[in-house]
Amino acid sequence: MIPTNISPQKNLVVLESFELEYGKVLEDIPVEYSTSGVPKYDNEGNITNAIVFCQTREREFSILQGSHKYLKSKGNFNIDDFFFIIISSLGVPGSFSPSTSGLKSDFPQYSIKDMVNFKRQFLMENFKIEKIFGIIGEENGGYEVYTWACEYPDDMKFIMLFNSDYKISGYRFVISKGLEAIIESNDDYYSNPYSTSLTNVMVAINTIMYAQFFSEKTLNNLANYEIEALLDDFVDEGLSFDIYDLNFRNSAFLNYDNTDKLANIKAKTLVIYSDDSIYFNQPVDENVLRDNISDLKILSYKSQKENYYDEEDYSLIGEEVISFLNECFDI
């Protein structure tokens, strides 16, 4: 089940207003989104087959969309029957973000729950969707999925999470704190957003972030000169990301923890992780999930990735994914 890098055409709408958790009201907020597939409606005119995909920093298309041919050939349903909706999150360019708004360091701090509320409001106002068939998230895109299912457990029938976690902890938390300290120690962050020193800060940040994209297993199999060559490519690619977008998103991640809310989840849940995942702390996380989520299935597979930019081959657990989706039709 190998994704193909083909993104649907993007659209833009504007929310008249949006209220953050702490009460600040934002006005005329752009929302970028894309759709694929054909919506199905019930007798009351409600869309019944919507699947929302919460993307990662890099991926802008759904894993299931990318696996279209595989699912179509192996499943007893047609993937075209789903109506996929991908919404650029609050804080991400395309939607309302520090870089695209021009607010930079003056952008209002938001939380993961704000990111969820942003998408919920958009779905209601633009598609009149209150009930979603399913929500899918990969890696940090799964943060929104877990938060959504914990805060609004009646919103969806199923959630599917690929190499993600219900909290940020351990060395990922330490790295995020390090990024925060590096950025906020530079005076130009607040006064001169286009300075050379901030560009140098982004080089340092992406060098550190590299550790979050390469697993220990992969690093142990590479010589230092190979790591350095891949690191240079990663840093160059990372310079295309805005430092303000990164910092506000990082701040939202630092407060991400749904440990005490997992028992709220009512949705049928599929958690998939690789033996090489840096986002999933097995067996600790697996035990916590089993103790809290009633309708849960957990799958693991042996990762085939050799580099951070390689796609995961989800065909290794493809039949189980198909079985899970078919069960969701019966809910």
C-alpha atoms as a PDB file:
ATOM      1  CA  MET A   1       0.000   0.000   0.000  1.00  0.00           C
ATOM      2  CA  ILE A   2       2.473   2.609  -1.210  1.00  0.00           C
ATOM      3  CA  PRO A   3       1.251   6.239  -1.368  1.00  0.00           C
ATOM      4  CA  THR A   4       1.669   8.214  -4.570  1.00  0.00           C
ATOM      5  CA  ASN A   5       2.560  11.873  -4.302  1.00  0.00           C
ATOM      6  CA  ILE A   6      -0.492  13.300  -6.040  1.00  0.00           C
ATOM      7  CA  SER A   7      -2.407  16.005  -4.139  1.00  0.00           C
ATOM      8  CA  PRO A   8      -5.969  17.100  -4.945  1.00  0.00           C
ATOM      9  CA  GLN A   9      -6.535  20.688  -6.059  1.00  0.00           C
ATOM     10  CA  LYS A  10      -6.625  23.130  -3.162  1.00  0.00           C
ATOM     11  CA  ASN A  11      -9.487  25.521  -2.402  1.00  0.00           C
ATOM     12  CA  LEU A  12      -9.826  28.480  -0.073  1.00  0.00           C
ATOM     13  CA  VAL A  13     -12.703  29.770   2.048  1.00  0.00           C
ATOM     14  CA  VAL A  14     -12.850  32.364   4.831  1.00  0.00           C
ATOM     15  CA  LEU A  15     -14.344  31.941   8.304  1.00  0.00           C
ATOM     16  CA  GLU A  16     -15.944  35.173   9.466  1.00  0.00           C
ATOM     17  CA  SER A  17     -14.631  34.554  12.963  1.00  0.00           C
ATOM     18  CA  PHE A  18     -12.931  31.899  15.044  1.00  0.00           C
ATOM     19  CA  GLU A  19     -12.531  31.838  18.823  1.00  0.00           C
ATOM     20  CA  LEU A  20      -9.423  30.383  20.454  1.00  0.00           C
ATOM     21  CA  GLU A  21      -9.623  28.384  23.687  1.00  0.00           C
ATOM     22  CA  TYR A  22      -8.572  31.316  25.859  1.00  0.00           C
ATOM     23  CA  GLY A  23     -11.252  33.581  24.371  1.00  0.00           C
ATOM     24  CA  LYS A  24      -9.464  35.633  21.713  1.00  0.00           C
ATOM     25  CA  VAL A  25     -11.656  36.026  18.630  1.00  0.00           C
ATOM     26  CA  LEU A  26      -9.999  36.077  15.208  1.00  0.00           C
ATOM     27  CA  GLU A  27     -11.772  37.535  12.189  1.00  0.00           C
ATOM     28  CA  ASP A  28     -11.714  36.799   8.446  1.00  0.00           C
ATOM     29  CA  ILE A  29      -9.703  33.611   8.815  1.00  0.00           C
ATOM     30  CA  PRO A  30      -8.644  31.811   5.598  1.00  0.00           C
ATOM     31  CA  VAL A  31      -8.949  28.017   5.453  1.00  0.00           C
ATOM     32  CA  GLU A  32      -7.226  25.974   2.762  1.00  0.00           C
ATOM     33  CA  TYR A  33      -8.701  22.594   1.917  1.00  0.00           C
ATOM     34  CA  SER A  34      -8.971  19.942  -0.781  1.00  0.00           C
ATOM     35  CA  THR A  35     -11.427  17.146  -1.469  1.00  0.00           C
ATOM     36  CA  SER A  36     -11.595  13.998  -3.565  1.00  0.00           C
ATOM     37  CA  GLY A  37     -14.210  11.344  -4.103  1.00  0.00           C
ATOM     38  CA  VAL A  38     -17.952  11.858  -4.194  1.00  0.00           C
ATOM     39  CA  PRO A  39     -20.050  12.739  -1.132  1.00  0.00           C
ATOM     40  CA  LYS A  40     -22.971  10.482  -0.218  1.00  0.00           C
ATOM     41  CA  TYR A  41     -26.038  11.837   1.560  1.00  0.00           C
ATOM     42  CA  ASP A  42     -28.670  10.432   3.891  1.00  0.00           C
ATOM     43  CA  ASN A  43     -32.372  11.246   3.683  1.00  0.00           C
ATOM     44  CA  GLU A  44     -31.808  14.421   5.676  1.00  0.00           C
ATOM     45  CA  GLY A  45     -29.095  15.698   3.339  1.00  0.00           C
ATOM     46  CA  ASN A  46     -26.149  14.957   5.631  1.00  0.00           C
ATOM     47  CA  ILE A  47     -22.854  13.733   4.135  1.00  0.00           C
ATOM     48  CA  THR A  48     -22.266  10.193   5.420  1.00  0.00           C
ATOM     49  CA  ASN A  49     -18.956   9.120   3.880  1.00  0.00           C
ATOM     50  CA  ALA A  50     -16.543  11.937   4.834  1.00  0.00           C
ATOM     51  CA  ILE A  51     -13.039  10.951   5.899  1.00  0.00           C
ATOM     52  CA  VAL A  52     -10.824  13.731   7.241  1.00  0.00           C
ATOM     53  CA  PHE A  53      -7.068  13.351   6.909  1.00  0.00           C
ATOM     54  CA  CYS A  54      -4.815  15.272   9.316  1.00  0.00           C
ATOM     55  CA  GLN A  55      -1.530  15.668   7.492  1.00  0.00           C
ATOM     56  CA  THR A  56       2.054  15.721   8.718  1.00  0.00           C
ATOM     57  CA  ARG A  57       4.557  18.501   8.093  1.00  0.00           C
ATOM     58  CA  GLU A  58       5.422  16.934   4.724  1.00  0.00           C
ATOM     59  CA  ARG A  59       2.443  14.900   3.564  1.00  0.00           C
ATOM     60  CA  GLU A  60      -0.518  16.710   2.002  1.00  0.00           C
ATOM     61  CA  PHE A  61      -2.525  13.686   0.895  1.00  0.00           C
ATOM     62  CA  SER A  62      -4.201  10.811   2.658  1.00  0.00           C
ATOM     63  CA  ILE A  63      -2.497   7.462   3.015  1.00  0.00           C
ATOM     64  CA  LEU A  64      -5.695   5.811   1.838  1.00  0.00           C
ATOM     65  CA  GLN A  65      -5.855   8.089  -1.196  1.00  0.00           C
ATOM     66  CA  GLY A  66      -2.288   7.207  -2.037  1.00  0.00           C
ATOM     67  CA  SER A  67      -3.173   3.536  -1.667  1.00  0.00           C
ATOM     68  CA  HIS A  68      -6.115   3.862  -4.029  1.00  0.00           C
ATOM     69  CA  LYS A  69      -5.097   1.143  -6.494  1.00  0.00           C
ATOM     70  CA  TYR A  70      -4.178  -1.298  -3.749  1.00  0.00           C
ATOM     71  CA  LEU A  71      -7.453  -0.894  -1.907  1.00  0.00           C
ATOM     72  CA  LYS A  72      -9.481  -1.008  -5.093  1.00  0.00           C
ATOM     73  CA  SER A  73      -7.888  -4.275  -6.171  1.00  0.00           C
ATOM     74  CA  LYS A  74      -7.864  -5.949  -2.755  1.00  0.00           C
ATOM     75  CA  GLY A  75     -10.956  -4.588  -1.011  1.00  0.00           C
ATOM     76  CA  ASN A  76     -14.593  -5.537  -1.479  1.00  0.00           C
ATOM     77  CA  PHE A  77     -15.468  -1.851  -1.571  1.00  0.00           C
ATOM     78  CA  ASN A  78     -14.497   1.005  -3.870  1.00  0.00           C
ATOM     79  CA  ILE A  79     -12.230   3.673  -2.384  1.00  0.00           C
ATOM     80  CA  ASP A  80     -13.995   6.182  -4.666  1.00  0.00           C
ATOM     81  CA  ASP A  81     -17.015   5.807  -2.389  1.00  0.00           C
ATOM     82  CA  PHE A  82     -15.202   7.812   0.286  1.00  0.00           C
ATOM     83  CA  PHE A  83     -15.286  11.606   0.361  1.00  0.00           C
ATOM     84  CA  PHE A  84     -11.826  12.711   1.496  1.00  0.00           C
ATOM     85  CA  ILE A  85     -11.358  16.139   3.044  1.00  0.00           C
ATOM     86  CA  ILE A  86      -7.901  17.521   3.806  1.00  0.00           C
ATOM     87  CA  ILE A  87      -7.801  20.817   5.713  1.00  0.00           C
ATOM     88  CA  SER A  88      -4.616  22.816   6.244  1.00  0.00           C
ATOM     89  CA  SER A  89      -4.465  23.257  10.001  1.00  0.00           C
ATOM     90  CA  LEU A  90      -4.564  26.472  11.962  1.00  0.00           C
ATOM     91  CA  GLY A  91      -0.968  27.737  11.986  1.00  0.00           C
ATOM     92  CA  VAL A  92      -0.080  26.121   8.645  1.00  0.00           C
ATOM     93  CA  PRO A  93       0.577  28.216   5.491  1.00  0.00           C
ATOM     94  CA  GLY A  94      -2.417  28.148   3.192  1.00  0.00           C
ATOM     95  CA  SER A  95      -4.685  28.581   6.191  1.00  0.00           C
ATOM     96  CA  PHE A  96      -4.231  31.243   8.885  1.00  0.00           C
ATOM     97  CA  SER A  97      -0.587  31.114  10.023  1.00  0.00           C
ATOM     98  CA  PRO A  98       2.153  33.375  11.425  1.00  0.00           C
ATOM     99  CA  SER A  99       3.852  33.654   8.016  1.00  0.00           C
ATOM    100  CA  THR A 100       0.817  34.095   5.753  1.00  0.00           C
ATOM    101  CA  SER A 101      -0.953  36.515   8.120  1.00  0.00           C
ATOM    102  CA  GLY A 102       2.146  38.707   8.401  1.00  0.00           C
ATOM    103  CA  LEU A 103       1.802  38.672  12.191  1.00  0.00           C
ATOM    104  CA  LYS A 104       5.044  36.698  12.719  1.00  0.00           C
ATOM    105  CA  SER A 105       5.883  36.753  16.478  1.00  0.00           C
ATOM    106  CA  ASP A 106       2.598  38.587  17.231  1.00  0.00           C
ATOM    107  CA  PHE A 107       0.515  35.626  16.070  1.00  0.00           C
ATOM    108  CA  PRO A 108      -1.828  34.353  18.836  1.00  0.00           C
ATOM    109  CA  GLN A 109      -0.648  31.162  20.502  1.00  0.00           C
ATOM    110  CA  TYR A 110      -2.924  28.219  19.726  1.00  0.00           C
ATOM    111  CA  SER A 111      -3.293  24.674  21.038  1.00  0.00           C
ATOM    112  CA  ILE A 112      -3.908  21.294  19.427  1.00  0.00           C
ATOM    113  CA  LYS A 113      -7.533  21.627  20.549  1.00  0.00           C
ATOM    114  CA  ASP A 114      -7.717  24.962  18.713  1.00  0.00           C
ATOM    115  CA  MET A 115      -6.471  23.181  15.585  1.00  0.00           C
ATOM    116  CA  VAL A 116      -9.282  20.646  16.001  1.00  0.00           C
ATOM    117  CA  ASN A 117     -11.927  23.314  16.649  1.00  0.00           C
ATOM    118  CA  PHE A 118     -10.717  25.184  13.568  1.00  0.00           C
ATOM    119  CA  LYS A 119     -11.413  22.128  11.402  1.00  0.00           C
ATOM    120  CA  ARG A 120     -14.700  21.305  13.128  1.00  0.00           C
ATOM    121  CA  GLN A 121     -16.021  24.812  12.522  1.00  0.00           C
ATOM    122  CA  PHE A 122     -14.920  24.699   8.895  1.00  0.00           C
ATOM    123  CA  LEU A 123     -16.643  21.335   8.322  1.00  0.00           C
ATOM    124  CA  MET A 124     -19.878  22.602   9.822  1.00  0.00           C
ATOM    125  CA  GLU A 125     -19.932  25.940   7.998  1.00  0.00           C
ATOM    126  CA  ASN A 126     -18.680  24.714   4.627  1.00  0.00           C
ATOM    127  CA  PHE A 127     -20.135  21.196   4.381  1.00  0.00           C
ATOM    128  CA  LYS A 128     -22.743  21.129   7.191  1.00  0.00           C
ATOM    129  CA  ILE A 129     -20.875  18.095   8.552  1.00  0.00           C
ATOM    130  CA  GLU A 130     -21.331  17.326  12.237  1.00  0.00           C
ATOM    131  CA  LYS A 131     -20.732  13.568  12.052  1.00  0.00           C
ATOM    132  CA  ILE A 132     -17.632  12.297  10.260  1.00  0.00           C
ATOM    133  CA  PHE A 133     -17.287   8.738   9.007  1.00  0.00           C
ATOM    134  CA  GLY A 134     -13.631   8.624  10.013  1.00  0.00           C
ATOM    135  CA  ILE A 135     -10.502  10.610  10.797  1.00  0.00           C
ATOM    136  CA  ILE A 136      -6.984   9.518   9.843  1.00  0.00           C
ATOM    137  CA  GLY A 137      -3.639  10.907  11.003  1.00  0.00           C
ATOM    138  CA  GLU A 138       0.007  10.024  10.525  1.00  0.00           C
ATOM    139  CA  GLU A 139       2.840  10.952  12.920  1.00  0.00           C
ATOM    140  CA  ASN A 140       2.203  14.472  14.296  1.00  0.00           C
ATOM    141  CA  GLY A 141      -0.991  14.644  12.243  1.00  0.00           C
ATOM    142  CA  GLY A 142      -2.257  12.023  14.669  1.00  0.00           C
ATOM    143  CA  TYR A 143      -2.066  14.572  17.496  1.00  0.00           C
ATOM    144  CA  GLU A 144      -5.189  16.207  16.099  1.00  0.00           C
ATOM    145  CA  VAL A 145      -6.904  12.842  15.666  1.00  0.00           C
ATOM    146  CA  TYR A 146      -6.359  11.779  19.268  1.00  0.00           C
ATOM    147  CA  THR A 147      -7.403  15.206  20.563  1.00  0.00           C
ATOM    148  CA  TRP A 148     -10.503  15.219  18.354  1.00  0.00           C
ATOM    149  CA  ALA A 149     -11.600  11.771  19.496  1.00  0.00           C
ATOM    150  CA  CYS A 150     -10.923  12.580  23.166  1.00  0.00           C
ATOM    151  CA  GLU A 151     -12.622  15.984  23.195  1.00  0.00           C
ATOM    152  CA  TYR A 152     -15.513  15.192  20.844  1.00  0.00           C
ATOM    153  CA  PRO A 153     -16.022  11.413  21.039  1.00  0.00           C
ATOM    154  CA  ASP A 154     -19.379  11.433  19.220  1.00  0.00           C
ATOM    155  CA  ASP A 155     -18.027  13.188  16.105  1.00  0.00           C
ATOM    156  CA  MET A 156     -16.746  10.134  14.235  1.00  0.00           C
ATOM    157  CA  LYS A 157     -17.278   6.401  13.698  1.00  0.00           C
ATOM    158  CA  PHE A 158     -13.607   5.476  13.470  1.00  0.00           C
ATOM    159  CA  ILE A 159     -10.118   6.851  13.870  1.00  0.00           C
ATOM    160  CA  MET A 160      -6.993   5.441  12.251  1.00  0.00           C
ATOM    161  CA  LEU A 161      -3.515   6.406  13.429  1.00  0.00           C
ATOM    162  CA  PHE A 162      -0.227   5.641  11.695  1.00  0.00           C
ATOM    163  CA  ASN A 163       2.970   5.896  13.759  1.00  0.00           C
ATOM    164  CA  SER A 164       1.530   8.498  16.097  1.00  0.00           C
ATOM    165  CA  ASP A 165       1.059   8.961  19.830  1.00  0.00           C
ATOM    166  CA  TYR A 166      -1.448  10.389  22.315  1.00  0.00           C
ATOM    167  CA  LYS A 167       1.174  12.616  23.979  1.00  0.00           C
ATOM    168  CA  ILE A 168       4.562  14.166  23.406  1.00  0.00           C
ATOM    169  CA  SER A 169       7.157  12.809  25.798  1.00  0.00           C
ATOM    170  CA  GLY A 170      10.708  11.570  26.211  1.00  0.00           C
ATOM    171  CA  TYR A 171      13.373  12.780  23.824  1.00  0.00           C
ATOM    172  CA  ARG A 172      10.764  14.324  21.484  1.00  0.00           C
ATOM    173  CA  PHE A 173       9.733  16.607  24.355  1.00  0.00           C
ATOM    174  CA  VAL A 174      13.390  17.421  25.079  1.00  0.00           C
ATOM    175  CA  ILE A 175      14.039  18.252  21.422  1.00  0.00           C
ATOM    176  CA  SER A 176      10.964  20.501  21.293  1.00  0.00           C
ATOM    177  CA  LYS A 177      12.140  22.332  24.424  1.00  0.00           C
ATOM    178  CA  GLY A 178      15.544  22.742  22.803  1.00  0.00           C
ATOM    179  CA  LEU A 179      13.985  24.244  19.674  1.00  0.00           C
ATOM    180  CA  GLU A 180      11.989  26.658  21.804  1.00  0.00           C
ATOM    181  CA  ALA A 181      15.105  27.766  23.700  1.00  0.00           C
ATOM    182  CA  ILE A 182      17.176  28.274  20.530  1.00  0.00           C
ATOM    183  CA  ILE A 183      14.502  30.379  18.833  1.00  0.00           C
ATOM    184  CA  GLU A 184      13.607  32.549  21.806  1.00  0.00           C
ATOM    185  CA  SER A 185      17.260  33.256  22.666  1.00  0.00           C
ATOM    186  CA  ASN A 186      17.662  35.158  19.392  1.00  0.00           C
ATOM    187  CA  ASP A 187      16.659  38.823  19.739  1.00  0.00           C
ATOM    188  CA  ASP A 188      16.031  39.123  16.000  1.00  0.00           C
ATOM    189  CA  TYR A 189      13.064  36.771  16.353  1.00  0.00           C
ATOM    190  CA  TYR A 190      11.014  39.690  17.730  1.00  0.00           C
ATOM    191  CA  SER A 191      12.565  42.579  15.802  1.00  0.00           C
ATOM    192  CA  ASN A 192      14.131  41.485  12.511  1.00  0.00           C
ATOM    193  CA  PRO A 193      12.431  38.433  10.961  1.00  0.00           C
ATOM    194  CA  TYR A 194      14.562  38.499   7.802  1.00  0.00           C
ATOM    195  CA  SER A 195      17.979  38.633   9.456  1.00  0.00           C
ATOM    196  CA  THR A 196      20.883  36.350   8.623  1.00  0.00           C
ATOM    197  CA  SER A 197      21.049  35.237  12.245  1.00  0.00           C
ATOM    198  CA  LEU A 198      17.517  33.811  12.057  1.00  0.00           C
ATOM    199  CA  THR A 199      18.505  31.881   8.933  1.00  0.00           C
ATOM    200  CA  ASN A 200      21.414  30.454  10.914  1.00  0.00           C
ATOM    201  CA  VAL A 201      18.988  29.576  13.693  1.00  0.00           C
ATOM    202  CA  MET A 202      16.878  27.614  11.204  1.00  0.00           C
ATOM    203  CA  VAL A 203      19.983  25.667  10.145  1.00  0.00           C
ATOM    204  CA  ALA A 204      20.604  24.738  13.791  1.00  0.00           C
ATOM    205  CA  ILE A 205      16.940  23.887  14.345  1.00  0.00           C
ATOM    206  CA  ASN A 206      16.728  21.601  11.337  1.00  0.00           C
ATOM    207  CA  THR A 207      19.950  19.902  12.354  1.00  0.00           C
ATOM    208  CA  ILE A 208      18.346  19.038  15.697  1.00  0.00           C
ATOM    209  CA  MET A 209      14.989  18.162  14.153  1.00  0.00           C
ATOM    210  CA  TYR A 210      16.765  15.606  11.973  1.00  0.00           C
ATOM    211  CA  ALA A 211      16.810  13.336  15.033  1.00  0.00           C
ATOM    212  CA  GLN A 212      13.004  13.285  14.985  1.00  0.00           C
ATOM    213  CA  PHE A 213      12.870  12.051  11.405  1.00  0.00           C
ATOM    214  CA  PHE A 214      15.506   9.340  11.519  1.00  0.00           C
ATOM    215  CA  SER A 215      15.030   6.282  13.678  1.00  0.00           C
ATOM    216  CA  GLU A 216      17.747   4.832  15.840  1.00  0.00           C
ATOM    217  CA  LYS A 217      17.808   1.663  13.739  1.00  0.00           C
ATOM    218  CA  THR A 218      18.411   3.589  10.537  1.00  0.00           C
ATOM    219  CA  LEU A 219      21.107   5.795  12.045  1.00  0.00           C
ATOM    220  CA  ASN A 220      22.951   2.789  13.445  1.00  0.00           C
ATOM    221  CA  ASN A 221      23.235   1.337   9.943  1.00  0.00           C
ATOM    222  CA  LEU A 222      24.797   4.440   8.366  1.00  0.00           C
ATOM    223  CA  ALA A 223      28.353   5.723   8.371  1.00  0.00           C
ATOM    224  CA  ASN A 224      28.871   9.262   9.619  1.00  0.00           C
ATOM    225  CA  TYR A 225      29.587  10.582   6.130  1.00  0.00           C
ATOM    226  CA  GLU A 226      26.265   9.112   4.948  1.00  0.00           C
ATOM    227  CA  ILE A 227      24.423  10.713   7.864  1.00  0.00           C
ATOM    228  CA  GLU A 228      26.076  14.058   7.111  1.00  0.00           C
ATOM    229  CA  ALA A 229      25.087  13.954   3.437  1.00  0.00           C
ATOM    230  CA  LEU A 230      21.451  13.185   4.278  1.00  0.00           C
ATOM    231  CA  LEU A 231      21.513  15.773   7.053  1.00  0.00           C
ATOM    232  CA  ASP A 232      22.647  18.474   4.605  1.00  0.00           C
ATOM    233  CA  ASP A 233      19.723  17.639   2.316  1.00  0.00           C
ATOM    234  CA  PHE A 234      17.300  17.698   5.232  1.00  0.00           C
ATOM    235  CA  VAL A 235      18.583  21.072   6.467  1.00  0.00           C
ATOM    236  CA  ASP A 236      18.367  22.604   2.977  1.00  0.00           C
ATOM    237  CA  GLU A 237      14.802  21.367   2.622  1.00  0.00           C
ATOM    238  CA  GLY A 238      13.937  22.686   6.083  1.00  0.00           C
ATOM    239  CA  LEU A 239      14.964  26.227   5.169  1.00  0.00           C
ATOM    240  CA  SER A 240      11.770  26.476   3.130  1.00  0.00           C
ATOM    241  CA  PHE A 241       9.742  26.350   6.369  1.00  0.00           C
ATOM    242  CA  ASP A 242       9.022  29.613   8.162  1.00  0.00           C
ATOM    243  CA  ILE A 243      10.581  29.974  11.621  1.00  0.00           C
ATOM    244  CA  TYR A 244       7.421  31.562  13.074  1.00  0.00           C
ATOM    245  CA  ASP A 245       5.140  28.827  11.761  1.00  0.00           C
ATOM    246  CA  LEU A 246       7.533  26.270  13.212  1.00  0.00           C
ATOM    247  CA  ASN A 247       7.824  27.930  16.628  1.00  0.00           C
ATOM    248  CA  PHE A 248       4.081  28.355  17.228  1.00  0.00           C
ATOM    249  CA  ARG A 249       3.399  24.787  16.094  1.00  0.00           C
ATOM    250  CA  ASN A 250       6.195  23.546  18.347  1.00  0.00           C
ATOM    251  CA  SER A 251       4.669  25.421  21.300  1.00  0.00           C
ATOM    252  CA  ALA A 252       1.331  23.718  20.645  1.00  0.00           C
ATOM    253  CA  PHE A 253       3.059  20.329  20.594  1.00  0.00           C
ATOM    254  CA  LEU A 254       4.800  20.980  23.923  1.00  0.00           C
ATOM    255  CA  ASN A 255       1.454  21.013  25.735  1.00  0.00           C
ATOM    256  CA  TYR A 256       0.083  17.967  23.927  1.00  0.00           C
ATOM    257  CA  ASP A 257      -0.988  15.165  26.292  1.00  0.00           C
ATOM    258  CA  ASN A 258      -4.248  13.186  26.123  1.00  0.00           C
ATOM    259  CA  THR A 259      -3.271  10.507  28.639  1.00  0.00           C
ATOM    260  CA  ASP A 260      -6.089  11.350  31.048  1.00  0.00           C
ATOM    261  CA  LYS A 261      -8.720  11.637  28.278  1.00  0.00           C
ATOM    262  CA  LEU A 262      -8.141   8.447  26.292  1.00  0.00           C
ATOM    263  CA  ALA A 263     -11.035   6.709  28.045  1.00  0.00           C
ATOM    264  CA  ASN A 264     -13.360   9.268  26.420  1.00  0.00           C
ATOM    265  CA  ILE A 265     -12.773   7.749  22.983  1.00  0.00           C
ATOM    266  CA  LYS A 266     -15.854   5.984  21.605  1.00  0.00           C
ATOM    267  CA  ALA A 267     -14.736   5.612  17.983  1.00  0.00           C
ATOM    268  CA  LYS A 268     -13.603   2.307  16.577  1.00  0.00           C
ATOM    269  CA  THR A 269      -9.824   2.724  16.710  1.00  0.00           C
ATOM    270  CA  LEU A 270      -6.979   1.314  14.643  1.00  0.00           C
ATOM    271  CA  VAL A 271      -3.434   2.100  15.760  1.00  0.00           C
ATOM    272  CA  ILE A 272      -0.620   1.118  13.402  1.00  0.00           C
ATOM    273  CA  TYR A 273       3.064   1.484  14.193  1.00  0.00           C
ATOM    274  CA  SER A 274       6.337   0.195  12.797  1.00  0.00           C
ATOM    275  CA  ASP A 275       9.131  -1.470  14.713  1.00  0.00           C
ATOM    276  CA  ASP A 276      11.169   1.612  13.805  1.00  0.00           C
ATOM    277  CA  SER A 277       8.701   4.325  14.857  1.00  0.00           C
ATOM    278  CA  ILE A 278      10.035   7.255  16.859  1.00  0.00           C
ATOM    279  CA  TYR A 279       6.504   8.420  17.698  1.00  0.00           C
ATOM    280  CA  PHE A 280       5.255   5.278  19.416  1.00  0.00           C
ATOM    281  CA  ASN A 281       6.800   4.050  22.676  1.00  0.00           C
ATOM    282  CA  GLN A 282       5.962   0.367  22.600  1.00  0.00           C
ATOM    283  CA  PRO A 283       5.154  -1.443  24.906  1.00  0.00           C
ATOM    284  CA  VAL A 284       4.316   1.390  27.350  1.00  0.00           C
ATOM    285  CA  ASP A 285       1.985   3.248  24.993  1.00  0.00           C
ATOM    286  CA  GLU A 286       0.362   0.051  23.776  1.00  0.00           C
ATOM    287  CA  ASN A 287      -0.573  -0.963  27.305  1.00  0.00           C
ATOM    288  CA  VAL A 288      -1.999   2.481  28.095  1.00  0.00           C
ATOM    289  CA  LEU A 289      -4.123   2.422  24.942  1.00  0.00           C
ATOM    290  CA  ARG A 290      -5.450  -1.081  25.676  1.00  0.00           C
ATOM    291  CA  ASP A 291      -6.368  -0.053  29.222  1.00  0.00           C
ATOM    292  CA  ASN A 292      -8.348   3.004  28.058  1.00  0.00           C
ATOM    293  CA  ILE A 293      -9.870   2.504  24.599  1.00  0.00           C
ATOM    294  CA  SER A 294     -12.636  -0.095  24.473  1.00  0.00           C
ATOM    295  CA  ASP A 295     -12.887  -0.718  20.712  1.00  0.00           C
ATOM    296  CA  LEU A 296      -9.212  -0.878  19.805  1.00  0.00           C
ATOM    297  CA  LYS A 297      -7.033  -2.789  17.388  1.00  0.00           C
ATOM    298  CA  ILE A 298      -3.248  -2.378  17.318  1.00  0.00           C
ATOM    299  CA  LEU A 299      -1.063  -3.518  14.425  1.00  0.00           C
ATOM    300  CA  SER A 300       2.694  -3.470  14.080  1.00  0.00           C
ATOM    301  CA  TYR A 301       4.895  -4.144  11.087  1.00  0.00           C
ATOM    302  CA  LYS A 302       8.571  -4.250  10.175  1.00  0.00           C
ATOM    303  CA  SER A 303       9.587  -0.961   8.557  1.00  0.00           C
ATOM    304  CA  GLN A 304      11.194  -1.073   5.117  1.00  0.00           C
ATOM    305  CA  LYS A 305      12.322   2.563   5.220  1.00  0.00           C
ATOM    306  CA  GLU A 306      16.021   3.263   4.665  1.00  0.00           C
ATOM    307  CA  ASN A 307      15.921   7.081   4.584  1.00  0.00           C
ATOM    308  CA  TYR A 308      13.747   9.720   6.240  1.00  0.00           C
ATOM    309  CA  TYR A 309      12.203  10.660   2.876  1.00  0.00           C
ATOM    310  CA  ASP A 310      11.162   7.093   1.998  1.00  0.00           C
ATOM    311  CA  GLU A 311       7.467   6.253   2.147  1.00  0.00           C
ATOM    312  CA  GLU A 312       6.273   3.539   4.497  1.00  0.00           C
ATOM    313  CA  ASP A 313       5.010   0.426   2.732  1.00  0.00           C
ATOM    314  CA  TYR A 314       1.658  -0.031   4.422  1.00  0.00           C
ATOM    315  CA  SER A 315       0.825  -2.983   2.173  1.00  0.00           C
ATOM    316  CA  LEU A 316       2.458  -5.025   4.923  1.00  0.00           C
ATOM    317  CA  ILE A 317      -0.713  -4.542   6.965  1.00  0.00           C
ATOM    318  CA  GLY A 318      -3.012  -3.775   4.020  1.00  0.00           C
ATOM    319  CA  GLU A 319      -5.380  -6.690   4.509  1.00  0.00           C
ATOM    320  CA  GLU A 320      -5.915  -5.743   8.155  1.00  0.00           C
ATOM    321  CA  VAL A 321      -6.672  -2.133   7.163  1.00  0.00           C
ATOM    322  CA  ILE A 322      -9.232  -3.336   4.623  1.00  0.00           C
ATOM    323  CA  SER A 323     -10.829  -5.605   7.216  1.00  0.00           C
ATOM    324  CA  PHE A 324     -11.020  -2.728   9.692  1.00  0.00           C
ATOM    325  CA  LEU A 325     -12.661  -0.391   7.139  1.00  0.00           C
ATOM    326  CA  ASN A 326     -15.208  -3.020   6.224  1.00  0.00           C
ATOM    327  CA  GLU A 327     -16.115  -3.428   9.896  1.00  0.00           C
ATOM    328  CA  CYS A 328     -16.662   0.338  10.105  1.00  0.00           C
ATOM    329  CA  PHE A 329     -19.428   0.131   7.521  1.00  0.00           C
ATOM    330  CA  ASP A 330     -21.406  -1.979   9.977  1.00  0.00           C
ATOM    331  CA  ILE A 331     -21.278   0.583  12.806  1.00  0.00           C
END
